[in-house]
Amino acid sequence: MKPARIVFPGFWFGKSDLSQAEDLARRGVGGFCVYGGTAEQTRDFVERMNESSPYGRLLFCADVQEDLSEIIIDAPKLPANLELARRDNPQDAAYRKGNLLGRMARACGINWLLAPVVDLGYTSPSLGDDPFVITRLCADMLAGMSNAGVLSCIKYFPGISGVLKTLPQLDEEEFVPYKQLFRRTDAVMPSDMIFPNLDDNTPAMLSDKIIKGVLRKRLNYKGCIVSFPLCKGHVRYEESSSIKMLHCGIENILAPQHAASVIDAIEREVNKGFLTDEIIHSVSNQEMSISKVQLGPQPDRIKDTFDLARSIFGVQH
């Protein structure tokens, strides 16, 4: 058992050191979160990391809010999420967007899209402010992604729009999409914000009350929970925060800026006799996720899928 496997370092093209990434792959990380490369660069990176890994097959994540162009710089833009509800057939548009996102990601070697956003709101990346409309559109988007052969992740629990709401209000509004979509998604990502009515001094992703008390117990979610990307969450102490998240029930630590130090901290915790069951559970879930991806359709060529996206939605890079 390698504790490193629950860590997914970030790799920023043009900034990160490729040899350090190879060292992390050899050390046994579960995958990488990629940022800012071209489609060809990303695919080459994926192949190189898989070759370096003792497992031979890793999970590669794209932290997407609207479309893949946020991560892959030459990917075509797709319509904003908020625009989908205004189309003649919004559910078909949501399916097509999810399917194209998945097919473009697979062409680049990415097999896990950290999307869609299911928060309620009046602006993108939300799909609207009605929880039932969001549920329907996200269900179709998730179906499109699944049929393309990529994993998904709904976010940001418990819902940024509910930051000042009481628990009963959240139950009636923000929690609706989550409860309906738990069985359709591969993971849930908590927010990095504080929800004072649920836990008055701890961000959701570090909160026992929110992760164990609300997500696991109240809503009965049984699936995978991943961290908010540490590089974006402005976490001051990555090592201690990662340990805290794992004890709360987070299964995968995403995009720490100092991945080797985080792995060292987790290994020390395991050597003390803690987190063993949690890591075994997480690794087992990873194996199932990798198997699910491998059973999916063969990836398209990059040019073919990018051209298809442009032709269906009439958008350009």
C-alpha atoms as a PDB file:
ATOM      1  CA  MET A   1       0.000   0.000   0.000  1.00  0.00           C
ATOM      2  CA  LYS A   2       1.422   3.351  -1.069  1.00  0.00           C
ATOM      3  CA  PRO A   3      -0.072   6.383   0.742  1.00  0.00           C
ATOM      4  CA  ALA A   4       1.197   8.516  -2.149  1.00  0.00           C
ATOM      5  CA  ARG A   5      -1.576   7.092  -4.287  1.00  0.00           C
ATOM      6  CA  ILE A   6      -4.251   9.317  -2.735  1.00  0.00           C
ATOM      7  CA  VAL A   7      -2.354  12.460  -3.816  1.00  0.00           C
ATOM      8  CA  PHE A   8      -2.871  14.069  -7.240  1.00  0.00           C
ATOM      9  CA  PRO A   9      -0.140  16.690  -7.757  1.00  0.00           C
ATOM     10  CA  GLY A  10      -0.760  19.668  -9.985  1.00  0.00           C
ATOM     11  CA  PHE A  11       1.280  20.093 -13.149  1.00  0.00           C
ATOM     12  CA  TRP A  12       1.446  23.546 -14.753  1.00  0.00           C
ATOM     13  CA  PHE A  13       2.872  23.530 -18.274  1.00  0.00           C
ATOM     14  CA  GLY A  14       5.650  26.094 -18.619  1.00  0.00           C
ATOM     15  CA  LYS A  15       6.093  26.289 -14.841  1.00  0.00           C
ATOM     16  CA  SER A  16       6.350  22.817 -13.308  1.00  0.00           C
ATOM     17  CA  ASP A  17       9.467  20.661 -13.500  1.00  0.00           C
ATOM     18  CA  LEU A  18       8.893  17.576 -15.653  1.00  0.00           C
ATOM     19  CA  SER A  19      11.597  15.541 -13.898  1.00  0.00           C
ATOM     20  CA  GLN A  20       9.966  16.247 -10.517  1.00  0.00           C
ATOM     21  CA  ALA A  21       6.637  15.091 -11.932  1.00  0.00           C
ATOM     22  CA  GLU A  22       8.297  11.868 -13.104  1.00  0.00           C
ATOM     23  CA  ASP A  23       9.732  11.378  -9.602  1.00  0.00           C
ATOM     24  CA  LEU A  24       6.241  11.767  -8.134  1.00  0.00           C
ATOM     25  CA  ALA A  25       4.828   9.307 -10.655  1.00  0.00           C
ATOM     26  CA  ARG A  26       7.540   6.776  -9.722  1.00  0.00           C
ATOM     27  CA  ARG A  27       6.768   7.413  -6.059  1.00  0.00           C
ATOM     28  CA  GLY A  28       3.241   6.165  -6.713  1.00  0.00           C
ATOM     29  CA  VAL A  29       0.848   9.109  -6.885  1.00  0.00           C
ATOM     30  CA  GLY A  30      -2.662   8.326  -8.088  1.00  0.00           C
ATOM     31  CA  GLY A  31      -2.590  10.829 -10.920  1.00  0.00           C
ATOM     32  CA  PHE A  32      -2.189  14.510 -11.751  1.00  0.00           C
ATOM     33  CA  CYS A  33      -4.255  17.654 -12.156  1.00  0.00           C
ATOM     34  CA  VAL A  34      -3.080  19.345 -15.353  1.00  0.00           C
ATOM     35  CA  TYR A  35      -3.126  23.062 -16.136  1.00  0.00           C
ATOM     36  CA  GLY A  36      -2.330  25.256 -19.120  1.00  0.00           C
ATOM     37  CA  GLY A  37      -0.924  22.988 -21.809  1.00  0.00           C
ATOM     38  CA  THR A  38      -1.863  22.417 -25.421  1.00  0.00           C
ATOM     39  CA  ALA A  39      -3.737  19.266 -26.340  1.00  0.00           C
ATOM     40  CA  GLU A  40      -0.578  17.634 -27.713  1.00  0.00           C
ATOM     41  CA  GLN A  41       1.506  18.662 -24.689  1.00  0.00           C
ATOM     42  CA  THR A  42      -1.095  17.233 -22.346  1.00  0.00           C
ATOM     43  CA  ARG A  43      -1.344  13.936 -24.197  1.00  0.00           C
ATOM     44  CA  ASP A  44       2.463  13.589 -24.239  1.00  0.00           C
ATOM     45  CA  PHE A  45       2.602  14.344 -20.510  1.00  0.00           C
ATOM     46  CA  VAL A  46      -0.050  11.713 -19.796  1.00  0.00           C
ATOM     47  CA  GLU A  47       1.885   9.076 -21.736  1.00  0.00           C
ATOM     48  CA  ARG A  48       5.126   9.961 -19.984  1.00  0.00           C
ATOM     49  CA  MET A  49       3.604   9.808 -16.486  1.00  0.00           C
ATOM     50  CA  ASN A  50       1.900   6.489 -17.189  1.00  0.00           C
ATOM     51  CA  GLU A  51       5.245   5.084 -18.320  1.00  0.00           C
ATOM     52  CA  SER A  52       6.927   6.354 -15.129  1.00  0.00           C
ATOM     53  CA  SER A  53       4.273   5.041 -12.754  1.00  0.00           C
ATOM     54  CA  PRO A  54       4.589   1.622 -11.095  1.00  0.00           C
ATOM     55  CA  TYR A  55       0.860   1.165 -11.810  1.00  0.00           C
ATOM     56  CA  GLY A  56       1.069   1.931 -15.539  1.00  0.00           C
ATOM     57  CA  ARG A  57      -2.301   3.670 -15.508  1.00  0.00           C
ATOM     58  CA  LEU A  58      -3.111   6.906 -13.678  1.00  0.00           C
ATOM     59  CA  LEU A  59      -6.052   9.272 -13.429  1.00  0.00           C
ATOM     60  CA  PHE A  60      -5.589  12.709 -14.999  1.00  0.00           C
ATOM     61  CA  CYS A  61      -7.895  15.487 -13.845  1.00  0.00           C
ATOM     62  CA  ALA A  62      -9.063  18.732 -15.416  1.00  0.00           C
ATOM     63  CA  ASP A  63     -10.593  21.219 -12.971  1.00  0.00           C
ATOM     64  CA  VAL A  64     -13.262  22.576 -15.301  1.00  0.00           C
ATOM     65  CA  GLN A  65     -16.012  25.090 -14.583  1.00  0.00           C
ATOM     66  CA  GLU A  66     -17.266  25.992 -18.080  1.00  0.00           C
ATOM     67  CA  ASP A  67     -15.235  24.110 -20.670  1.00  0.00           C
ATOM     68  CA  LEU A  68     -11.919  22.460 -21.442  1.00  0.00           C
ATOM     69  CA  SER A  69     -10.320  25.652 -22.787  1.00  0.00           C
ATOM     70  CA  GLU A  70      -9.710  26.647 -19.149  1.00  0.00           C
ATOM     71  CA  ILE A  71      -7.216  23.784 -18.967  1.00  0.00           C
ATOM     72  CA  ILE A  72      -6.227  23.009 -22.574  1.00  0.00           C
ATOM     73  CA  ILE A  73      -5.259  26.301 -24.172  1.00  0.00           C
ATOM     74  CA  ASP A  74      -6.054  25.317 -27.776  1.00  0.00           C
ATOM     75  CA  ALA A  75      -9.369  23.581 -27.027  1.00  0.00           C
ATOM     76  CA  PRO A  76     -12.465  25.209 -28.560  1.00  0.00           C
ATOM     77  CA  LYS A  77     -14.776  27.097 -26.246  1.00  0.00           C
ATOM     78  CA  LEU A  78     -18.261  25.718 -25.698  1.00  0.00           C
ATOM     79  CA  PRO A  79     -21.428  27.618 -24.738  1.00  0.00           C
ATOM     80  CA  ALA A  80     -21.581  28.855 -21.155  1.00  0.00           C
ATOM     81  CA  ASN A  81     -23.502  26.666 -18.733  1.00  0.00           C
ATOM     82  CA  LEU A  82     -26.047  29.394 -18.084  1.00  0.00           C
ATOM     83  CA  GLU A  83     -26.791  29.594 -21.817  1.00  0.00           C
ATOM     84  CA  LEU A  84     -27.874  25.947 -22.026  1.00  0.00           C
ATOM     85  CA  ALA A  85     -31.170  26.580 -20.251  1.00  0.00           C
ATOM     86  CA  ARG A  86     -32.087  29.193 -22.878  1.00  0.00           C
ATOM     87  CA  ARG A  87     -31.786  26.809 -25.824  1.00  0.00           C
ATOM     88  CA  ASP A  88     -34.786  25.262 -27.588  1.00  0.00           C
ATOM     89  CA  ASN A  89     -33.881  21.853 -26.195  1.00  0.00           C
ATOM     90  CA  PRO A  90     -31.790  22.585 -23.089  1.00  0.00           C
ATOM     91  CA  GLN A  91     -31.430  18.978 -21.956  1.00  0.00           C
ATOM     92  CA  ASP A  92     -30.129  17.904 -25.367  1.00  0.00           C
ATOM     93  CA  ALA A  93     -27.685  20.838 -25.307  1.00  0.00           C
ATOM     94  CA  ALA A  94     -26.513  19.828 -21.830  1.00  0.00           C
ATOM     95  CA  TYR A  95     -25.963  16.230 -22.960  1.00  0.00           C
ATOM     96  CA  ARG A  96     -24.064  17.334 -26.056  1.00  0.00           C
ATOM     97  CA  LYS A  97     -21.874  19.685 -24.030  1.00  0.00           C
ATOM     98  CA  GLY A  98     -21.061  16.979 -21.480  1.00  0.00           C
ATOM     99  CA  ASN A  99     -20.345  14.451 -24.215  1.00  0.00           C
ATOM    100  CA  LEU A 100     -18.102  16.830 -26.147  1.00  0.00           C
ATOM    101  CA  LEU A 101     -16.246  17.826 -22.984  1.00  0.00           C
ATOM    102  CA  GLY A 102     -15.631  14.163 -22.286  1.00  0.00           C
ATOM    103  CA  ARG A 103     -14.560  13.273 -25.816  1.00  0.00           C
ATOM    104  CA  MET A 104     -12.189  16.249 -26.057  1.00  0.00           C
ATOM    105  CA  ALA A 105     -10.723  15.405 -22.650  1.00  0.00           C
ATOM    106  CA  ARG A 106     -10.179  11.748 -23.571  1.00  0.00           C
ATOM    107  CA  ALA A 107      -8.471  12.769 -26.810  1.00  0.00           C
ATOM    108  CA  CYS A 108      -5.964  14.741 -24.713  1.00  0.00           C
ATOM    109  CA  GLY A 109      -5.448  11.878 -22.241  1.00  0.00           C
ATOM    110  CA  ILE A 110      -7.601  13.355 -19.470  1.00  0.00           C
ATOM    111  CA  ASN A 111      -9.962  10.835 -17.916  1.00  0.00           C
ATOM    112  CA  TRP A 112     -11.456  12.737 -14.977  1.00  0.00           C
ATOM    113  CA  LEU A 113     -13.342  16.010 -15.406  1.00  0.00           C
ATOM    114  CA  LEU A 114     -13.855  17.818 -12.105  1.00  0.00           C
ATOM    115  CA  ALA A 115     -17.232  19.062 -13.312  1.00  0.00           C
ATOM    116  CA  PRO A 116     -20.037  20.064 -13.453  1.00  0.00           C
ATOM    117  CA  VAL A 117     -20.753  22.887 -10.999  1.00  0.00           C
ATOM    118  CA  VAL A 118     -24.190  22.302  -9.452  1.00  0.00           C
ATOM    119  CA  ASP A 119     -24.342  25.467  -7.323  1.00  0.00           C
ATOM    120  CA  LEU A 120     -27.387  27.696  -7.601  1.00  0.00           C
ATOM    121  CA  GLY A 121     -26.697  31.148  -9.025  1.00  0.00           C
ATOM    122  CA  TYR A 122     -27.575  33.827 -11.545  1.00  0.00           C
ATOM    123  CA  THR A 123     -24.200  33.744 -13.325  1.00  0.00           C
ATOM    124  CA  SER A 124     -21.988  31.094 -14.861  1.00  0.00           C
ATOM    125  CA  PRO A 125     -20.609  28.547 -14.173  1.00  0.00           C
ATOM    126  CA  SER A 126     -23.991  27.841 -12.624  1.00  0.00           C
ATOM    127  CA  LEU A 127     -26.706  26.360 -14.845  1.00  0.00           C
ATOM    128  CA  GLY A 128     -29.325  28.620 -13.252  1.00  0.00           C
ATOM    129  CA  ASP A 129     -31.029  29.443  -9.973  1.00  0.00           C
ATOM    130  CA  ASP A 130     -33.740  26.762  -9.939  1.00  0.00           C
ATOM    131  CA  PRO A 131     -32.492  23.572  -8.201  1.00  0.00           C
ATOM    132  CA  PHE A 132     -34.784  21.337 -10.245  1.00  0.00           C
ATOM    133  CA  VAL A 133     -33.659  22.837 -13.575  1.00  0.00           C
ATOM    134  CA  ILE A 134     -30.034  22.448 -12.496  1.00  0.00           C
ATOM    135  CA  THR A 135     -30.688  18.833 -11.532  1.00  0.00           C
ATOM    136  CA  ARG A 136     -32.204  17.986 -14.933  1.00  0.00           C
ATOM    137  CA  LEU A 137     -29.469  19.703 -16.943  1.00  0.00           C
ATOM    138  CA  CYS A 138     -26.635  18.310 -14.838  1.00  0.00           C
ATOM    139  CA  ALA A 139     -28.096  14.805 -15.103  1.00  0.00           C
ATOM    140  CA  ASP A 140     -27.912  15.059 -18.892  1.00  0.00           C
ATOM    141  CA  MET A 141     -24.454  16.602 -18.797  1.00  0.00           C
ATOM    142  CA  LEU A 142     -23.240  13.776 -16.553  1.00  0.00           C
ATOM    143  CA  ALA A 143     -24.779  11.199 -18.916  1.00  0.00           C
ATOM    144  CA  GLY A 144     -22.909  12.764 -21.821  1.00  0.00           C
ATOM    145  CA  MET A 145     -19.631  12.695 -19.917  1.00  0.00           C
ATOM    146  CA  SER A 146     -20.137   9.093 -18.820  1.00  0.00           C
ATOM    147  CA  ASN A 147     -20.909   7.950 -22.377  1.00  0.00           C
ATOM    148  CA  ALA A 148     -17.707   9.650 -23.518  1.00  0.00           C
ATOM    149  CA  GLY A 149     -15.746   7.541 -21.038  1.00  0.00           C
ATOM    150  CA  VAL A 150     -14.673  10.127 -18.474  1.00  0.00           C
ATOM    151  CA  LEU A 151     -15.239  10.334 -14.737  1.00  0.00           C
ATOM    152  CA  SER A 152     -17.095  13.295 -13.253  1.00  0.00           C
ATOM    153  CA  CYS A 153     -17.305  15.301 -10.023  1.00  0.00           C
ATOM    154  CA  ILE A 154     -20.139  17.556  -8.843  1.00  0.00           C
ATOM    155  CA  LYS A 155     -19.116  20.648  -6.881  1.00  0.00           C
ATOM    156  CA  TYR A 156     -18.892  22.800  -4.687  1.00  0.00           C
ATOM    157  CA  PHE A 157     -20.674  21.235  -1.692  1.00  0.00           C
ATOM    158  CA  PRO A 158     -22.700  22.426   0.196  1.00  0.00           C
ATOM    159  CA  GLY A 159     -23.271  25.091  -2.478  1.00  0.00           C
ATOM    160  CA  ILE A 160     -21.623  28.501  -2.543  1.00  0.00           C
ATOM    161  CA  SER A 161     -24.958  30.260  -2.965  1.00  0.00           C
ATOM    162  CA  GLY A 162     -26.014  28.873   0.415  1.00  0.00           C
ATOM    163  CA  VAL A 163     -23.169  30.356   2.404  1.00  0.00           C
ATOM    164  CA  LEU A 164     -25.515  32.273   4.733  1.00  0.00           C
ATOM    165  CA  LYS A 165     -28.480  29.882   4.670  1.00  0.00           C
ATOM    166  CA  THR A 166     -29.686  27.670   7.484  1.00  0.00           C
ATOM    167  CA  LEU A 167     -29.626  23.887   7.211  1.00  0.00           C
ATOM    168  CA  PRO A 168     -33.389  23.636   6.471  1.00  0.00           C
ATOM    169  CA  GLN A 169     -33.012  26.242   3.705  1.00  0.00           C
ATOM    170  CA  LEU A 170     -30.097  24.300   2.231  1.00  0.00           C
ATOM    171  CA  ASP A 171     -32.181  21.128   2.346  1.00  0.00           C
ATOM    172  CA  GLU A 172     -34.894  22.764   0.248  1.00  0.00           C
ATOM    173  CA  GLU A 173     -32.590  24.418  -2.287  1.00  0.00           C
ATOM    174  CA  GLU A 174     -28.811  23.791  -2.539  1.00  0.00           C
ATOM    175  CA  PHE A 175     -28.957  20.119  -1.525  1.00  0.00           C
ATOM    176  CA  VAL A 176     -31.591  19.185  -4.130  1.00  0.00           C
ATOM    177  CA  PRO A 177     -29.158  18.649  -7.066  1.00  0.00           C
ATOM    178  CA  TYR A 178     -26.694  16.782  -4.864  1.00  0.00           C
ATOM    179  CA  LYS A 179     -29.286  14.347  -3.500  1.00  0.00           C
ATOM    180  CA  GLN A 180     -30.591  13.638  -7.008  1.00  0.00           C
ATOM    181  CA  LEU A 181     -27.178  13.308  -8.651  1.00  0.00           C
ATOM    182  CA  PHE A 182     -25.192  11.288  -6.100  1.00  0.00           C
ATOM    183  CA  ARG A 183     -25.710   8.046  -8.051  1.00  0.00           C
ATOM    184  CA  ARG A 184     -24.849   9.633 -11.381  1.00  0.00           C
ATOM    185  CA  THR A 185     -21.501  11.160 -10.467  1.00  0.00           C
ATOM    186  CA  ASP A 186     -18.131   9.662  -9.543  1.00  0.00           C
ATOM    187  CA  ALA A 187     -17.230  12.148  -6.819  1.00  0.00           C
ATOM    188  CA  VAL A 188     -18.238  15.212  -4.826  1.00  0.00           C
ATOM    189  CA  MET A 189     -15.959  18.193  -4.178  1.00  0.00           C
ATOM    190  CA  PRO A 190     -16.543  20.350  -1.078  1.00  0.00           C
ATOM    191  CA  SER A 191     -16.092  24.100  -1.171  1.00  0.00           C
ATOM    192  CA  ASP A 192     -13.107  25.910   0.359  1.00  0.00           C
ATOM    193  CA  MET A 193     -15.471  28.501   1.872  1.00  0.00           C
ATOM    194  CA  ILE A 194     -16.771  28.775   5.437  1.00  0.00           C
ATOM    195  CA  PHE A 195     -20.503  28.180   5.956  1.00  0.00           C
ATOM    196  CA  PRO A 196     -21.119  29.817   9.341  1.00  0.00           C
ATOM    197  CA  ASN A 197     -24.534  28.225   9.890  1.00  0.00           C
ATOM    198  CA  LEU A 198     -22.981  24.756   9.516  1.00  0.00           C
ATOM    199  CA  ASP A 199     -19.499  25.264  10.962  1.00  0.00           C
ATOM    200  CA  ASP A 200     -18.649  28.770  12.064  1.00  0.00           C
ATOM    201  CA  ASN A 201     -14.863  28.683  11.710  1.00  0.00           C
ATOM    202  CA  THR A 202     -13.794  25.886   9.346  1.00  0.00           C
ATOM    203  CA  PRO A 203     -13.903  25.709   5.526  1.00  0.00           C
ATOM    204  CA  ALA A 204     -16.219  23.013   4.224  1.00  0.00           C
ATOM    205  CA  MET A 205     -13.403  20.845   2.888  1.00  0.00           C
ATOM    206  CA  LEU A 206     -11.839  20.731   6.391  1.00  0.00           C
ATOM    207  CA  SER A 207     -15.050  20.396   8.374  1.00  0.00           C
ATOM    208  CA  ASP A 208     -16.087  17.229  10.191  1.00  0.00           C
ATOM    209  CA  LYS A 209     -19.520  18.756  10.683  1.00  0.00           C
ATOM    210  CA  ILE A 210     -20.061  19.333   6.981  1.00  0.00           C
ATOM    211  CA  ILE A 211     -18.364  16.280   5.470  1.00  0.00           C
ATOM    212  CA  LYS A 212     -19.232  13.628   8.044  1.00  0.00           C
ATOM    213  CA  GLY A 213     -22.261  15.240   9.655  1.00  0.00           C
ATOM    214  CA  VAL A 214     -24.061  16.631   6.594  1.00  0.00           C
ATOM    215  CA  LEU A 215     -22.725  14.994   3.443  1.00  0.00           C
ATOM    216  CA  ARG A 216     -22.198  11.481   4.804  1.00  0.00           C
ATOM    217  CA  LYS A 217     -24.785  11.185   7.588  1.00  0.00           C
ATOM    218  CA  ARG A 218     -27.628  13.599   6.784  1.00  0.00           C
ATOM    219  CA  LEU A 219     -27.570  13.133   3.002  1.00  0.00           C
ATOM    220  CA  ASN A 220     -26.293   9.535   3.123  1.00  0.00           C
ATOM    221  CA  TYR A 221     -23.669  10.020   0.402  1.00  0.00           C
ATOM    222  CA  LYS A 222     -21.564   6.855   0.083  1.00  0.00           C
ATOM    223  CA  GLY A 223     -19.266   7.790  -2.805  1.00  0.00           C
ATOM    224  CA  CYS A 224     -15.881   9.401  -3.299  1.00  0.00           C
ATOM    225  CA  ILE A 225     -15.103  12.862  -1.895  1.00  0.00           C
ATOM    226  CA  VAL A 226     -12.149  14.792  -3.298  1.00  0.00           C
ATOM    227  CA  SER A 227     -10.510  17.923  -1.972  1.00  0.00           C
ATOM    228  CA  PHE A 228     -10.912  21.365  -3.432  1.00  0.00           C
ATOM    229  CA  PRO A 229      -7.633  21.927  -5.396  1.00  0.00           C
ATOM    230  CA  LEU A 230      -5.188  23.081  -2.743  1.00  0.00           C
ATOM    231  CA  CYS A 231      -3.424  25.398  -5.176  1.00  0.00           C
ATOM    232  CA  LYS A 232      -6.659  27.388  -5.537  1.00  0.00           C
ATOM    233  CA  GLY A 233      -7.893  27.142  -1.971  1.00  0.00           C
ATOM    234  CA  HIS A 234      -5.152  29.312  -0.455  1.00  0.00           C
ATOM    235  CA  VAL A 235      -4.386  26.703   2.200  1.00  0.00           C
ATOM    236  CA  ARG A 236      -1.611  28.008   4.427  1.00  0.00           C
ATOM    237  CA  TYR A 237      -0.399  24.693   5.782  1.00  0.00           C
ATOM    238  CA  GLU A 238      -0.813  22.038   3.116  1.00  0.00           C
ATOM    239  CA  GLU A 239       0.594  19.143   5.140  1.00  0.00           C
ATOM    240  CA  SER A 240      -1.555  19.550   8.255  1.00  0.00           C
ATOM    241  CA  SER A 241      -4.613  20.540   6.192  1.00  0.00           C
ATOM    242  CA  SER A 242      -4.276  17.399   4.065  1.00  0.00           C
ATOM    243  CA  ILE A 243      -4.128  15.214   7.178  1.00  0.00           C
ATOM    244  CA  LYS A 244      -7.194  16.979   8.582  1.00  0.00           C
ATOM    245  CA  MET A 245      -9.109  16.467   5.313  1.00  0.00           C
ATOM    246  CA  LEU A 246      -8.283  12.767   5.228  1.00  0.00           C
ATOM    247  CA  HIS A 247      -9.520  12.321   8.797  1.00  0.00           C
ATOM    248  CA  CYS A 248     -12.725  14.144   7.783  1.00  0.00           C
ATOM    249  CA  GLY A 249     -13.390  11.695   4.971  1.00  0.00           C
ATOM    250  CA  ILE A 250     -11.720  13.269   1.927  1.00  0.00           C
ATOM    251  CA  GLU A 251     -10.304  10.474  -0.226  1.00  0.00           C
ATOM    252  CA  ASN A 252      -8.059  12.290  -2.699  1.00  0.00           C
ATOM    253  CA  ILE A 253      -5.881  15.362  -2.177  1.00  0.00           C
ATOM    254  CA  LEU A 254      -5.872  17.426  -5.361  1.00  0.00           C
ATOM    255  CA  ALA A 255      -3.217  19.797  -6.692  1.00  0.00           C
ATOM    256  CA  PRO A 256      -1.073  20.603  -3.656  1.00  0.00           C
ATOM    257  CA  GLN A 257       1.716  23.026  -4.506  1.00  0.00           C
ATOM    258  CA  HIS A 258       4.209  20.939  -2.532  1.00  0.00           C
ATOM    259  CA  ALA A 259       3.109  17.403  -3.291  1.00  0.00           C
ATOM    260  CA  ALA A 260       6.231  15.642  -1.981  1.00  0.00           C
ATOM    261  CA  SER A 261       5.847  17.310   1.423  1.00  0.00           C
ATOM    262  CA  VAL A 262       2.162  16.350   1.552  1.00  0.00           C
ATOM    263  CA  ILE A 263       3.035  12.726   0.740  1.00  0.00           C
ATOM    264  CA  ASP A 264       5.698  12.733   3.464  1.00  0.00           C
ATOM    265  CA  ALA A 265       3.143  14.009   5.985  1.00  0.00           C
ATOM    266  CA  ILE A 266       0.610  11.332   5.020  1.00  0.00           C
ATOM    267  CA  GLU A 267       3.243   8.602   5.260  1.00  0.00           C
ATOM    268  CA  ARG A 268       4.185   9.805   8.764  1.00  0.00           C
ATOM    269  CA  GLU A 269       0.530   9.638   9.786  1.00  0.00           C
ATOM    270  CA  VAL A 270       0.237   6.110   8.416  1.00  0.00           C
ATOM    271  CA  ASN A 271       3.405   5.070  10.253  1.00  0.00           C
ATOM    272  CA  LYS A 272       1.747   6.248  13.479  1.00  0.00           C
ATOM    273  CA  GLY A 273      -1.050   3.790  12.832  1.00  0.00           C
ATOM    274  CA  PHE A 274      -3.612   6.236  11.439  1.00  0.00           C
ATOM    275  CA  LEU A 275      -5.445   6.471   8.070  1.00  0.00           C
ATOM    276  CA  THR A 276      -4.689   2.902   6.971  1.00  0.00           C
ATOM    277  CA  ASP A 277      -8.338   1.963   6.418  1.00  0.00           C
ATOM    278  CA  GLU A 278      -9.051   5.282   4.711  1.00  0.00           C
ATOM    279  CA  ILE A 279      -6.189   4.834   2.257  1.00  0.00           C
ATOM    280  CA  ILE A 280      -7.134   1.237   1.470  1.00  0.00           C
ATOM    281  CA  HIS A 281     -10.701   2.393   0.758  1.00  0.00           C
ATOM    282  CA  SER A 282      -9.501   5.240  -1.461  1.00  0.00           C
ATOM    283  CA  VAL A 283      -7.146   3.017  -3.451  1.00  0.00           C
ATOM    284  CA  SER A 284      -9.924   0.473  -3.947  1.00  0.00           C
ATOM    285  CA  ASN A 285     -12.170   3.219  -5.335  1.00  0.00           C
ATOM    286  CA  GLN A 286      -9.360   4.347  -7.641  1.00  0.00           C
ATOM    287  CA  GLU A 287      -9.002   0.841  -9.041  1.00  0.00           C
ATOM    288  CA  MET A 288     -12.711   0.765  -9.813  1.00  0.00           C
ATOM    289  CA  SER A 289     -12.520   4.202 -11.432  1.00  0.00           C
ATOM    290  CA  ILE A 290      -9.583   3.178 -13.630  1.00  0.00           C
ATOM    291  CA  SER A 291     -11.450   0.035 -14.665  1.00  0.00           C
ATOM    292  CA  LYS A 292     -14.496   2.120 -15.555  1.00  0.00           C
ATOM    293  CA  VAL A 293     -12.388   4.401 -17.751  1.00  0.00           C
ATOM    294  CA  GLN A 294     -10.683   1.472 -19.457  1.00  0.00           C
ATOM    295  CA  LEU A 295     -14.051  -0.056 -20.334  1.00  0.00           C
ATOM    296  CA  GLY A 296     -15.119   3.160 -22.045  1.00  0.00           C
ATOM    297  CA  PRO A 297     -14.885   3.978 -25.762  1.00  0.00           C
ATOM    298  CA  GLN A 298     -11.544   4.450 -27.468  1.00  0.00           C
ATOM    299  CA  PRO A 299     -10.378   8.094 -27.504  1.00  0.00           C
ATOM    300  CA  ASP A 300     -10.927  10.159 -30.646  1.00  0.00           C
ATOM    301  CA  ARG A 301      -8.164  11.971 -32.473  1.00  0.00           C
ATOM    302  CA  ILE A 302      -7.606  15.469 -31.070  1.00  0.00           C
ATOM    303  CA  LYS A 303      -8.346  17.273 -34.329  1.00  0.00           C
ATOM    304  CA  ASP A 304     -11.465  15.241 -35.026  1.00  0.00           C
ATOM    305  CA  THR A 305     -13.073  15.884 -31.671  1.00  0.00           C
ATOM    306  CA  PHE A 306     -12.111  19.578 -31.614  1.00  0.00           C
ATOM    307  CA  ASP A 307     -13.583  20.019 -35.096  1.00  0.00           C
ATOM    308  CA  LEU A 308     -16.732  18.190 -34.012  1.00  0.00           C
ATOM    309  CA  ALA A 309     -17.172  20.538 -31.061  1.00  0.00           C
ATOM    310  CA  ARG A 310     -16.864  23.557 -33.337  1.00  0.00           C
ATOM    311  CA  SER A 311     -19.342  22.152 -35.852  1.00  0.00           C
ATOM    312  CA  ILE A 312     -22.018  21.209 -33.299  1.00  0.00           C
ATOM    313  CA  PHE A 313     -22.016  24.445 -31.340  1.00  0.00           C
ATOM    314  CA  GLY A 314     -20.653  26.747 -34.032  1.00  0.00           C
ATOM    315  CA  VAL A 315     -17.918  28.094 -31.787  1.00  0.00           C
ATOM    316  CA  GLN A 316     -14.282  28.870 -32.405  1.00  0.00           C
ATOM    317  CA  HIS A 317     -11.190  28.768 -30.213  1.00  0.00           C
END
